């Protein structure tokens, strides 16, 4: 029996900041520099990040901290 696939949701910038603890300006700089995941366009003036991309980022950052 296989576990169900993870539910993917879209996170807006305030939610991403709350989950990662990374300051807004550092987050935006990291996205421009390719350190953090690129957002997806969800409207004319709206962007979001997938919850799976943020989860992978958090896992990667915590793995680096352990090493």
Protein backbone atom coordinates (compact mmCIF):
# COMPACT_ATOMS: atom_id res chain seq x y z
CA UNK A 1 0.00 0.00 0.00
CA UNK A 2 1.41 3.38 -1.02
CA UNK A 3 1.05 6.53 1.07
CA UNK A 4 -1.15 9.20 -0.49
CA UNK A 5 0.70 11.88 -2.45
CA UNK A 6 1.35 15.08 -0.51
CA UNK A 7 -1.25 17.80 -0.86
CA UNK A 8 0.20 20.75 -2.73
CA UNK A 9 -1.00 24.21 -1.83
CA UNK A 10 0.04 27.66 -2.95
CA UNK A 11 1.68 29.94 -0.41
CA UNK A 12 1.74 33.70 -0.72
CA UNK A 13 4.77 35.71 0.43
CA UNK A 14 3.57 36.33 4.04
CA UNK A 15 3.00 32.59 4.47
CA UNK A 16 6.43 31.76 3.04
CA UNK A 17 8.08 34.29 5.37
CA UNK A 18 6.20 32.83 8.35
CA UNK A 19 7.20 29.25 7.48
CA UNK A 20 10.85 29.91 6.74
CA UNK A 21 11.65 32.75 9.15
CA UNK A 22 13.65 34.45 6.41
CA UNK A 23 13.18 38.26 6.28
CA UNK A 24 11.27 39.61 3.28
CA UNK A 25 14.18 41.50 1.73
CA UNK A 26 16.51 38.51 2.14
CA UNK A 27 13.88 36.24 0.60
CA UNK A 28 13.42 38.49 -2.43
CA UNK A 29 17.18 38.78 -2.92
CA UNK A 30 17.57 35.00 -2.61
CA UNK A 31 14.88 34.40 -5.23
CA UNK A 32 16.60 36.82 -7.65
CA UNK A 33 19.96 35.13 -7.05
CA UNK A 34 18.53 31.62 -7.46
CA UNK A 35 19.13 30.57 -3.84
CA UNK A 36 15.40 30.16 -3.16
CA UNK A 37 12.65 28.71 -5.38
CA UNK A 38 11.06 30.80 -8.11
CA UNK A 39 7.40 31.71 -7.64
CA UNK A 40 4.54 30.72 -9.94
CA UNK A 41 2.30 33.39 -11.41
CA UNK A 42 -1.28 32.99 -10.18
CA UNK A 43 -2.70 36.23 -11.54
CA UNK A 44 -1.86 39.45 -13.29
CA UNK A 45 -0.20 40.89 -10.19
CA UNK A 46 -0.03 37.85 -7.93
CA UNK A 47 2.63 35.20 -7.31
CA UNK A 48 2.89 32.25 -4.96
CA UNK A 49 5.17 29.36 -4.15
CA UNK A 50 4.18 25.71 -4.03
CA UNK A 51 4.17 24.20 -0.58
CA UNK A 52 6.34 21.34 -1.84
CA UNK A 53 9.09 23.72 -3.04
CA UNK A 54 9.10 25.47 0.34
CA UNK A 55 9.14 22.13 2.18
CA UNK A 56 12.15 21.01 0.10
CA UNK A 57 13.92 24.29 0.83
CA UNK A 58 13.35 23.91 4.57
CA UNK A 59 14.60 20.30 4.46
CA UNK A 60 17.72 21.42 2.58
CA UNK A 61 18.45 24.25 4.98
CA UNK A 62 18.03 22.02 8.02
CA UNK A 63 20.23 19.32 6.44
CA UNK A 64 22.97 21.93 5.91
CA UNK A 65 22.68 23.02 9.53
CA UNK A 66 23.19 19.43 10.74
CA UNK A 67 26.32 18.89 8.61
